[in-house]
Protein backbone atom coordinates (compact mmCIF):
# COMPACT_ATOMS: atom_id res chain seq x y z
CA MET A 1 -25.44 -27.46 4.17
CA SER A 2 -22.99 -26.24 6.79
CA GLY A 3 -21.14 -29.55 6.54
CA LEU A 4 -20.86 -29.19 2.77
CA ALA A 5 -19.71 -25.60 3.24
CA LEU A 6 -16.99 -26.79 5.65
CA ALA A 7 -15.74 -29.34 3.13
CA LEU A 8 -15.64 -26.72 0.38
CA ALA A 9 -13.92 -24.24 2.72
CA LEU A 10 -11.20 -26.76 3.58
CA ILE A 11 -10.53 -27.36 -0.12
CA LEU A 12 -10.36 -23.60 -0.80
CA ILE A 13 -8.02 -23.07 2.17
CA GLN A 14 -5.65 -25.74 0.89
CA LEU A 15 -5.65 -24.14 -2.57
CA THR A 16 -5.21 -20.53 -1.42
CA THR A 17 -2.86 -20.94 1.56
CA PRO A 18 0.31 -20.95 -0.63
CA VAL A 19 -0.76 -17.67 -2.24
CA PHE A 20 -1.58 -16.15 1.17
CA ASN A 21 1.76 -17.29 2.62
CA GLN A 22 3.61 -15.80 -0.34
CA LEU A 23 1.84 -12.46 0.11
CA THR A 24 2.32 -12.28 3.88
CA GLN A 25 5.74 -13.96 3.87
CA LYS A 26 4.61 -16.42 6.53
CA ASN A 27 4.34 -20.19 6.72
CA LEU A 28 0.82 -20.81 7.93
CA SER A 29 -1.22 -23.98 7.61
CA ILE A 30 -4.61 -25.03 8.89
CA LEU A 31 -2.97 -27.69 11.09
CA SER A 32 -0.54 -25.20 12.68
CA VAL A 33 -3.22 -23.97 15.12
CA PRO A 34 -3.87 -26.30 18.08
CA ASN A 35 -7.39 -27.82 18.21
CA MET A 36 -8.28 -26.14 14.90
CA LEU A 37 -10.33 -29.18 13.81
CA PHE A 38 -12.51 -28.96 16.93
CA TRP A 39 -13.04 -25.24 16.40
CA LEU A 40 -14.07 -25.82 12.78
CA ILE A 41 -16.53 -28.56 13.71
CA GLY A 42 -17.97 -26.39 16.50
CA LEU A 43 -18.32 -23.42 14.17
CA THR A 44 -20.03 -25.60 11.57
CA LEU A 45 -22.56 -26.93 14.11
CA ILE A 46 -23.31 -23.46 15.46
CA THR A 47 -23.72 -22.07 11.95
CA GLY A 48 -26.08 -24.87 10.98
CA LEU A 49 -28.15 -24.47 14.16
CA LEU A 50 -28.44 -20.69 13.89
CA SER A 51 -29.25 -20.89 10.19
CA GLY A 52 -31.99 -23.44 10.87
CA MET A 53 -33.42 -21.77 13.97
CA TYR A 54 -34.52 -18.58 12.20
CA PRO A 55 -36.74 -20.21 9.54
CA ALA A 56 -37.96 -22.74 12.13
CA PHE A 57 -39.19 -20.06 14.52
CA TYR A 58 -40.44 -17.96 11.61
CA LEU A 59 -42.48 -20.76 10.08
CA SER A 60 -43.81 -21.98 13.42
CA SER A 61 -45.22 -18.53 14.09
CA PHE A 62 -47.72 -18.86 11.23
CA LYS A 63 -51.34 -19.65 12.04
CA PRO A 64 -52.43 -22.86 10.25
CA ALA A 65 -55.82 -21.42 9.28
CA THR A 66 -54.17 -18.45 7.57
CA VAL A 67 -51.65 -20.64 5.76
CA LEU A 68 -54.30 -23.07 4.49
CA LYS A 69 -56.41 -20.22 3.14
CA GLY A 70 -53.42 -19.05 1.08
CA LYS A 71 -53.27 -15.69 2.81
CA LEU A 72 -49.66 -15.99 3.95
CA MET A 73 -47.89 -12.69 3.61
CA ASN A 74 -44.34 -11.58 4.32
CA THR A 75 -44.02 -9.76 7.58
CA ILE A 76 -42.24 -6.45 7.71
CA SER A 77 -39.59 -7.88 10.05
CA ALA A 78 -38.75 -10.74 7.67
CA ILE A 79 -38.38 -8.38 4.71
CA SER A 80 -36.29 -5.98 6.78
CA ILE A 81 -33.90 -8.71 7.89
CA ARG A 82 -33.32 -9.89 4.33
CA ARG A 83 -32.77 -6.39 3.03
CA GLY A 84 -30.65 -5.45 6.02
CA LEU A 85 -28.29 -8.37 5.35
CA VAL A 86 -27.89 -7.34 1.71
CA ILE A 87 -27.19 -3.74 2.73
CA PHE A 88 -24.61 -4.96 5.27
CA GLN A 89 -22.87 -7.12 2.67
CA PHE A 90 -22.73 -4.34 0.09
CA THR A 91 -21.58 -1.81 2.71
CA LEU A 92 -18.55 -4.01 3.44
CA SER A 93 -17.95 -4.52 -0.29
CA ILE A 94 -17.99 -0.80 -1.04
CA VAL A 95 -15.64 -0.10 1.87
CA MET A 96 -13.25 -2.68 0.42
CA ILE A 97 -13.61 -1.30 -3.13
CA LEU A 98 -12.86 2.25 -1.98
CA GLY A 99 -9.94 0.97 0.12
CA ALA A 100 -8.48 -0.78 -2.92
CA ILE A 101 -8.83 2.42 -4.98
CA VAL A 102 -7.17 4.63 -2.33
CA ILE A 103 -4.30 2.21 -1.73
CA SER A 104 -3.72 1.82 -5.46
CA GLN A 105 -3.60 5.61 -5.95
CA GLN A 106 -1.26 6.08 -2.97
CA MET A 107 1.15 3.44 -4.27
CA LYS A 108 1.08 5.09 -7.69
CA TYR A 109 1.76 8.45 -6.00
CA LEU A 110 4.76 7.00 -4.16
CA GLY A 111 6.14 5.65 -7.42
CA ASN A 112 5.75 8.96 -9.27
CA GLN A 113 6.84 11.32 -6.48
CA ASN A 114 9.87 13.52 -7.22
CA LEU A 115 12.41 12.32 -4.63
CA GLY A 116 14.95 15.07 -5.24
CA PHE A 117 17.55 12.61 -6.51
CA ASN A 118 17.86 10.09 -9.33
CA LYS A 119 17.29 6.53 -8.08
CA ASP A 120 17.38 4.83 -11.48
CA GLN A 121 20.37 2.94 -12.86
CA LYS A 122 22.28 2.98 -9.60
CA ILE A 123 24.19 -0.12 -8.47
CA ILE A 124 25.17 -0.40 -4.79
CA LEU A 125 28.13 -2.44 -3.53
CA PRO A 126 28.52 -2.70 0.29
CA ILE A 127 32.09 -2.06 1.47
CA GLN A 128 32.18 -4.25 4.58
CA THR A 129 35.75 -5.53 4.92
CA THR A 130 39.11 -3.91 5.59
CA GLU A 131 40.37 -5.22 2.24
CA ALA A 132 37.48 -3.62 0.32
CA ASN A 133 37.89 -0.36 2.23
CA VAL A 134 41.62 -0.11 1.51
CA ASN A 135 41.17 -0.98 -2.16
CA PHE A 136 38.20 1.31 -2.76
CA ASN A 137 40.06 3.78 -5.03
CA ALA A 138 41.48 0.95 -7.09
CA LEU A 139 38.01 -0.52 -7.53
CA ARG A 140 36.54 2.86 -8.46
CA ASN A 141 39.21 3.43 -11.11
CA GLU A 142 38.68 -0.08 -12.49
CA LEU A 143 34.94 0.49 -12.86
CA LEU A 144 35.33 3.96 -14.39
CA ASN A 145 37.51 2.44 -17.13
CA ASN A 146 34.30 1.03 -18.59
CA ASN A 147 32.34 3.53 -20.68
CA GLN A 148 29.04 2.13 -19.29
CA VAL A 149 29.87 3.58 -15.82
CA SER A 150 29.64 7.37 -15.59
CA HIS A 151 30.11 8.07 -11.86
CA VAL A 152 31.36 6.17 -8.84
CA ALA A 153 31.25 7.53 -5.27
CA ARG A 154 31.23 6.30 -1.70
CA GLY A 155 29.00 7.15 1.24
CA GLY A 156 28.20 5.91 4.72
CA THR A 157 24.58 5.67 3.63
CA TYR A 158 22.36 6.27 0.63
CA PRO A 159 18.68 7.19 0.16
CA GLY A 160 16.26 4.47 1.16
CA ILE A 161 18.16 2.78 3.98
CA GLU A 162 17.85 3.80 7.60
CA SER A 163 20.67 5.90 9.05
CA ILE A 164 20.63 6.52 12.80
CA THR A 165 23.67 8.82 12.93
CA SER A 166 22.87 12.36 14.06
CA MET A 167 24.49 15.30 15.86
CA LEU A 168 23.20 18.28 17.83
CA PHE A 169 24.34 21.47 16.08
CA TYR A 170 23.70 25.09 16.97
CA ALA A 171 24.25 28.22 14.92
CA GLU A 172 26.57 31.18 15.40
CA GLY A 173 25.54 33.42 18.26
CA LYS A 174 23.49 30.69 19.92
CA GLN A 175 24.11 28.28 22.77
CA ALA A 176 24.11 24.49 23.02
CA ILE A 177 20.60 24.63 24.47
CA ASP A 178 19.42 25.98 21.07
CA ASN A 179 20.70 22.91 19.24
CA VAL A 180 19.04 21.26 16.27
CA ASP A 181 19.09 17.46 15.87
CA ILE A 182 20.54 16.95 12.38
CA GLN A 183 20.91 13.59 10.62
CA THR A 184 24.47 13.14 9.39
CA ALA A 185 25.89 11.12 6.52
CA TYR A 186 29.49 10.40 5.60
CA THR A 187 30.19 11.07 1.92
CA GLU A 188 33.12 11.52 -0.43
CA ASP A 189 33.90 13.50 -3.55
CA GLY A 190 31.32 12.89 -6.30
CA TYR A 191 28.51 11.66 -4.01
CA LEU A 192 26.12 14.48 -4.95
CA GLU A 193 26.87 14.19 -8.66
CA THR A 194 26.42 10.41 -8.66
CA LEU A 195 22.99 10.63 -7.05
CA GLY A 196 21.92 13.70 -9.02
CA ILE A 197 21.33 15.82 -5.91
CA GLU A 198 20.97 19.51 -6.77
CA ILE A 199 23.37 22.05 -5.16
CA ILE A 200 21.50 25.35 -4.86
CA GLU A 201 24.19 27.38 -3.03
CA GLY A 202 27.93 26.98 -2.56
CA ARG A 203 29.67 23.77 -3.60
CA GLY A 204 30.01 20.10 -2.80
CA PHE A 205 33.08 18.25 -1.56
CA ASP A 206 36.23 18.19 -3.65
CA VAL A 207 39.48 16.26 -3.16
CA ASP A 208 41.40 19.41 -4.07
CA PHE A 209 40.10 21.18 -0.94
CA LYS A 210 42.09 19.87 2.03
CA ASN A 211 39.91 21.65 4.62
CA ASP A 212 36.71 19.82 3.58
CA ILE A 213 37.18 17.56 6.61
CA ASP A 214 35.94 20.43 8.81
CA GLU A 215 33.10 21.48 6.53
CA LEU A 216 29.47 20.52 5.90
CA VAL A 217 26.89 20.54 3.18
CA LEU A 218 23.36 21.02 4.58
CA ASN A 219 19.94 20.48 3.11
CA GLU A 220 17.33 23.27 3.05
CA THR A 221 15.50 21.97 6.11
CA ALA A 222 18.67 22.01 8.23
CA VAL A 223 19.51 25.55 7.08
CA SER A 224 16.02 26.73 7.96
CA GLN A 225 15.94 25.13 11.42
CA LEU A 226 19.35 26.57 12.28
CA GLY A 227 17.90 30.02 11.59
CA TYR A 228 19.69 30.75 8.31
CA THR A 229 18.46 31.19 4.76
CA ASN A 230 19.75 29.50 1.64
CA ASP A 231 21.31 32.79 0.52
CA ASN A 232 23.33 33.54 3.68
CA ALA A 233 24.13 30.05 5.04
CA VAL A 234 27.29 29.42 3.01
CA GLY A 235 30.35 30.55 4.96
CA LYS A 236 28.59 30.38 8.34
CA THR A 237 29.97 28.28 11.16
CA ILE A 238 27.93 25.89 13.28
CA HIS A 239 29.01 24.18 16.49
CA TYR A 240 28.54 20.91 18.36
CA GLU A 241 29.68 19.57 21.72
CA PHE A 242 31.81 16.43 21.82
CA GLN A 243 33.82 14.99 24.73
CA ASN A 244 33.30 18.16 26.83
CA ALA A 245 34.67 20.37 24.07
CA THR A 246 33.11 22.68 21.49
CA HIS A 247 33.83 21.88 17.87
CA SER A 248 33.04 24.02 14.82
CA MET A 249 32.36 23.24 11.20
CA GLU A 250 31.80 25.57 8.25
CA ILE A 251 28.85 25.37 5.86
CA ILE A 252 30.23 25.19 2.30
CA GLY A 253 27.06 24.33 0.41
CA VAL A 254 23.29 23.92 0.51
CA VAL A 255 21.52 21.14 -1.38
CA LYS A 256 17.87 21.00 -2.33
CA ASP A 257 15.78 18.89 0.03
CA TYR A 258 15.64 15.29 -1.12
CA HIS A 259 13.98 12.22 0.36
CA PHE A 260 16.84 10.37 1.98
CA GLN A 261 14.17 8.45 3.94
CA SER A 262 10.89 6.94 2.73
CA LEU A 263 7.80 9.08 2.23
CA HIS A 264 6.44 7.78 5.53
CA GLN A 265 8.48 10.59 7.12
CA LYS A 266 8.86 14.29 6.48
CA ILE A 267 12.25 15.43 5.22
CA LYS A 268 14.49 15.94 8.25
CA PRO A 269 17.54 18.20 8.68
CA LEU A 270 20.56 16.59 7.03
CA ALA A 271 24.30 17.31 7.08
CA LEU A 272 26.74 15.71 4.66
CA SER A 273 30.37 15.52 5.72
CA VAL A 274 33.69 13.91 4.86
CA ALA A 275 34.78 14.02 8.51
CA PRO A 276 35.89 10.64 9.93
CA LEU A 277 33.72 11.40 12.96
CA PHE A 278 30.67 10.43 10.93
CA THR A 279 31.92 7.20 9.40
CA GLY A 280 30.14 3.99 10.32
CA PRO A 281 31.26 0.34 10.26
CA THR A 282 30.01 -0.01 6.68
CA SER A 283 30.15 2.24 3.64
CA TYR A 284 28.71 1.81 0.17
CA LEU A 285 30.02 2.18 -3.36
CA ILE A 286 27.39 3.88 -5.51
CA ALA A 287 27.79 3.60 -9.27
CA ASN A 288 25.76 5.46 -11.87
CA VAL A 289 25.51 3.33 -15.01
CA LYS A 290 24.37 4.09 -18.54
CA SER A 291 23.47 0.64 -19.83
CA SER A 292 20.23 -1.22 -19.05
CA ASP A 293 21.87 -4.60 -19.65
CA TYR A 294 22.21 -5.37 -15.97
CA PHE A 295 23.34 -8.94 -16.45
CA GLU A 296 26.41 -7.69 -18.33
CA LEU A 297 26.98 -4.89 -15.81
CA ILE A 298 26.80 -7.18 -12.77
CA THR A 299 29.23 -9.56 -14.44
CA LEU A 300 31.58 -6.61 -15.05
CA PHE A 301 31.29 -5.45 -11.43
CA GLN A 302 31.82 -8.95 -10.06
CA ASN A 303 34.93 -9.52 -12.17
CA ALA A 304 36.39 -6.17 -11.08
CA TRP A 305 35.57 -6.93 -7.43
CA SER A 306 37.07 -10.43 -7.51
CA LYS A 307 40.21 -9.09 -9.14
CA ILE A 308 40.79 -6.36 -6.52
CA ASN A 309 39.13 -7.88 -3.42
CA PRO A 310 39.56 -11.64 -3.80
CA ALA A 311 39.07 -12.34 -0.06
CA SER A 312 35.85 -10.29 0.29
CA PRO A 313 32.36 -11.55 -0.65
CA PHE A 314 30.69 -9.81 -3.57
CA GLU A 315 27.22 -8.35 -2.88
CA TYR A 316 25.15 -5.87 -4.81
CA SER A 317 21.72 -4.26 -4.94
CA PHE A 318 19.89 -1.62 -6.97
CA LEU A 319 19.09 1.70 -5.36
CA ASP A 320 15.53 1.87 -6.74
CA ASP A 321 14.78 -1.60 -5.35
CA ASP A 322 16.24 -0.69 -1.96
CA PHE A 323 14.14 2.48 -1.80
CA GLN A 324 10.97 0.67 -2.89
CA ARG A 325 11.55 -1.92 -0.17
CA ASN A 326 10.39 0.69 2.33
CA TYR A 327 6.87 0.19 0.96
CA LYS A 328 6.85 -3.61 1.05
CA LYS A 329 4.26 -3.67 3.83
CA GLU A 330 1.96 -1.36 1.83
CA GLU A 331 2.42 -3.45 -1.32
CA ARG A 332 1.41 -6.58 0.59
CA THR A 333 -1.56 -4.73 2.06
CA ALA A 334 -2.64 -3.61 -1.42
CA LYS A 335 -2.57 -7.17 -2.77
CA LEU A 336 -4.43 -8.57 0.25
CA ILE A 337 -7.08 -5.85 -0.04
CA GLN A 338 -7.57 -6.70 -3.71
CA TYR A 339 -8.14 -10.37 -2.91
CA PHE A 340 -10.49 -9.67 0.02
CA THR A 341 -12.38 -7.08 -2.05
CA LEU A 342 -13.06 -9.76 -4.65
CA ILE A 343 -14.26 -12.13 -1.93
CA ALA A 344 -16.48 -9.46 -0.38
CA ILE A 345 -18.02 -8.65 -3.78
CA ILE A 346 -18.74 -12.33 -4.46
CA VAL A 347 -20.40 -12.77 -1.04
CA ALA A 348 -22.48 -9.61 -1.53
CA CYS A 349 -23.53 -10.77 -5.00
CA LEU A 350 -24.58 -14.15 -3.61
CA GLY A 351 -26.78 -12.43 -1.04
CA LEU A 352 -28.28 -10.11 -3.64
CA PHE A 353 -28.79 -12.98 -6.09
CA GLY A 354 -30.65 -15.00 -3.45
CA LEU A 355 -32.86 -12.05 -2.50
CA ALA A 356 -33.57 -11.28 -6.17
CA ALA A 357 -34.57 -14.90 -6.81
CA PHE A 358 -36.78 -14.92 -3.74
CA THR A 359 -38.44 -11.61 -4.65
CA ALA A 360 -39.03 -12.70 -8.24
CA GLU A 361 -40.69 -15.87 -7.00
CA GLN A 362 -42.87 -13.91 -4.55
CA ARG A 363 -43.99 -11.47 -7.26
CA ILE A 364 -44.40 -14.02 -10.05
CA LYS A 365 -48.18 -13.53 -10.31
CA GLU A 366 -47.83 -9.72 -10.24
CA ILE A 367 -45.34 -9.96 -13.10
CA GLY A 368 -47.78 -12.19 -15.04
CA VAL A 369 -50.62 -9.70 -14.58
CA ARG A 370 -48.42 -6.82 -15.70
CA LYS A 371 -47.38 -8.70 -18.84
CA VAL A 372 -50.97 -9.52 -19.67
CA LEU A 373 -51.81 -5.82 -19.32
CA GLY A 374 -49.06 -4.89 -21.77
CA ALA A 375 -45.91 -4.29 -19.70
CA SER A 376 -42.71 -4.78 -21.70
CA THR A 377 -39.78 -6.93 -20.61
CA ALA A 378 -37.66 -3.79 -20.09
CA GLN A 379 -40.35 -2.27 -17.85
CA ILE A 380 -40.53 -5.38 -15.66
CA VAL A 381 -36.73 -5.66 -15.42
CA THR A 382 -36.62 -1.98 -14.38
CA LEU A 383 -39.39 -2.55 -11.83
CA LEU A 384 -37.57 -5.44 -10.17
CA SER A 385 -34.13 -3.83 -10.36
CA ASP A 386 -35.31 -0.54 -8.89
CA ASP A 387 -35.92 -1.99 -5.41
CA PHE A 388 -32.45 -3.53 -5.26
CA LEU A 389 -30.74 -0.39 -6.48
CA LYS A 390 -32.28 1.41 -3.53
CA LEU A 391 -30.58 -1.08 -1.21
CA VAL A 392 -27.24 -0.47 -2.92
CA VAL A 393 -27.70 3.32 -2.67
CA VAL A 394 -28.32 2.94 1.07
CA ALA A 395 -25.15 0.83 1.30
CA ILE A 396 -23.19 3.55 -0.54
CA ILE A 397 -24.46 6.19 1.90
CA LEU A 398 -23.56 4.03 4.93
CA SER A 399 -20.16 2.90 3.62
CA SER A 400 -18.82 6.30 2.49
CA PRO A 401 -18.08 7.78 5.95
CA ILE A 402 -16.77 4.44 7.22
CA ALA A 403 -14.43 4.03 4.26
CA TYR A 404 -13.27 7.64 4.48
CA TYR A 405 -12.41 7.29 8.17
CA ILE A 406 -10.48 4.03 7.72
CA MET A 407 -8.52 5.14 4.67
CA ASP A 408 -7.80 8.59 6.12
CA LYS A 409 -6.25 6.87 9.15
CA TRP A 410 -4.20 4.64 6.86
CA LEU A 411 -2.93 7.61 4.85
CA GLN A 412 -1.80 9.34 8.04
CA GLY A 413 1.01 6.78 8.15
CA PHE A 414 2.62 8.71 5.29
CA ALA A 415 4.03 12.20 5.67
CA TYR A 416 3.36 12.63 1.94
CA HIS A 417 0.13 11.22 0.64
CA ILE A 418 -2.79 11.76 -1.71
CA SER A 419 -6.10 13.33 -0.73
CA ILE A 420 -9.23 11.21 -0.79
CA SER A 421 -11.19 12.67 -3.71
CA VAL A 422 -14.88 12.63 -4.61
CA TRP A 423 -14.17 10.67 -7.79
CA MET A 424 -13.01 7.71 -5.66
CA PHE A 425 -16.42 7.53 -3.97
CA VAL A 426 -18.10 7.90 -7.36
CA ALA A 427 -15.97 5.08 -8.81
CA ALA A 428 -16.69 2.78 -5.84
CA GLY A 429 -20.41 3.59 -6.00
CA PHE A 430 -20.59 3.11 -9.76
CA THR A 431 -18.77 -0.23 -9.46
CA SER A 432 -21.19 -1.46 -6.79
CA VAL A 433 -24.23 -0.34 -8.82
CA LEU A 434 -22.88 -2.04 -11.94
CA ILE A 435 -22.21 -5.25 -10.00
CA SER A 436 -25.69 -5.20 -8.49
CA LEU A 437 -27.33 -4.61 -11.88
CA LEU A 438 -25.47 -7.55 -13.40
CA THR A 439 -26.44 -9.74 -10.45
CA VAL A 440 -30.11 -8.74 -10.33
CA GLY A 441 -30.46 -8.42 -14.08
CA PHE A 442 -30.26 -12.17 -14.64
CA GLN A 443 -33.11 -12.95 -12.25
CA ALA A 444 -35.17 -9.95 -13.36
CA THR A 445 -34.81 -10.87 -17.05
CA LYS A 446 -35.66 -14.50 -16.31
CA ALA A 447 -38.83 -13.48 -14.47
CA ALA A 448 -39.79 -10.97 -17.15
CA LEU A 449 -39.47 -13.56 -19.94
CA MET A 450 -41.58 -16.17 -18.16
CA ASN A 451 -44.86 -17.10 -19.85
CA PRO A 452 -47.68 -15.36 -17.89
CA VAL A 453 -50.03 -18.26 -18.63
CA LYS A 454 -47.97 -20.52 -16.38
CA SER A 455 -47.72 -18.01 -13.52
CA LEU A 456 -51.47 -17.18 -13.61
CA ARG A 457 -52.75 -20.76 -14.16
CA SER A 458 -53.75 -21.18 -10.50
CA GLU A 459 -55.85 -18.01 -10.73
């Protein structure tokens, strides 16, 4: 039986490996592990030996006189082992079911969370060459000539991609030792409007203001950590040390906190500036578009790019896709958990099905007597199902704290996450009970419908 299981396992592995590789973005194969064949053969032999040893020792412990008299009874230890295995299988299944529910709800939460900016219908073009940098204004004007493009702006970064630029600022009346580490981003006129970021005090950057090069727009978190409030921050000066000199910049606006990083992290202090000090090797054109015909839009953008920057490669992405890419690991985990949950449920059902068949066979004469005495099919099905439901209830009790601990640890990887609710445990428990009833119901109904004359003939 172990040999047949090995053959079936090898076939299943060959069929499912492409799906697994696609999910995990790896290139695994059963032959890629050295000596894998020897390990599989060894595992098969050990499995077969262990599986055969238990019934062998169990049967050899019977006394021949007792067996021949027909007085063979199940020992408490044998029953306990069978039931314990079923409880163990269902405990794992319920943990997996609850994990799948929690991960699904967290991913839905991430998708519906208010990010503080508008990530939809935004096309990103990296500005990576000197030619593209010099011709940026010409490209912006060319794109804005199309009525399907409402805003175009440039920034050294945009929400969803990692930016490692930061400066140590300190407020008026304080010293450098009181500094606050503030993330910085290079932006230009129209950046806030293009992304839909809300200005709650002051103003954003404007080409008509020549002094904007020495000014900053801060988010609420930066204002708070510097010791100001949203109401009094505008007009204040903050300082930083650079090349053994103190430099000052004025706060001209405060924007509402927005998630410029993924929801794995809490919102950090952020300063937006047009100062060349904050520019990086690459900047990005961000276009807000009205149309949902992206094929036509990308063609439009590519034609405009090729016309103005013929020597520079054309690349593009969508802001919502770039932001969602931060959760690629979690999306893969969710899919893997779904597959393994299905496998765990199938294995648990096989164990429960086997135990139900065994129990029905052991109690076949009892069922016959009950039917002769007037028990209905529904009563017998309920009688047989009741014992197995108790096993599932025990599994639910055992699995709940385990599942809660594991999923709570997983959720701690997000600064913003859902709470594990009671309804999730109820849903997982209800699912496991329903699965067990469907599994046991077949055997119970089959036993209940059997002709009692056949089962009682030997009596």
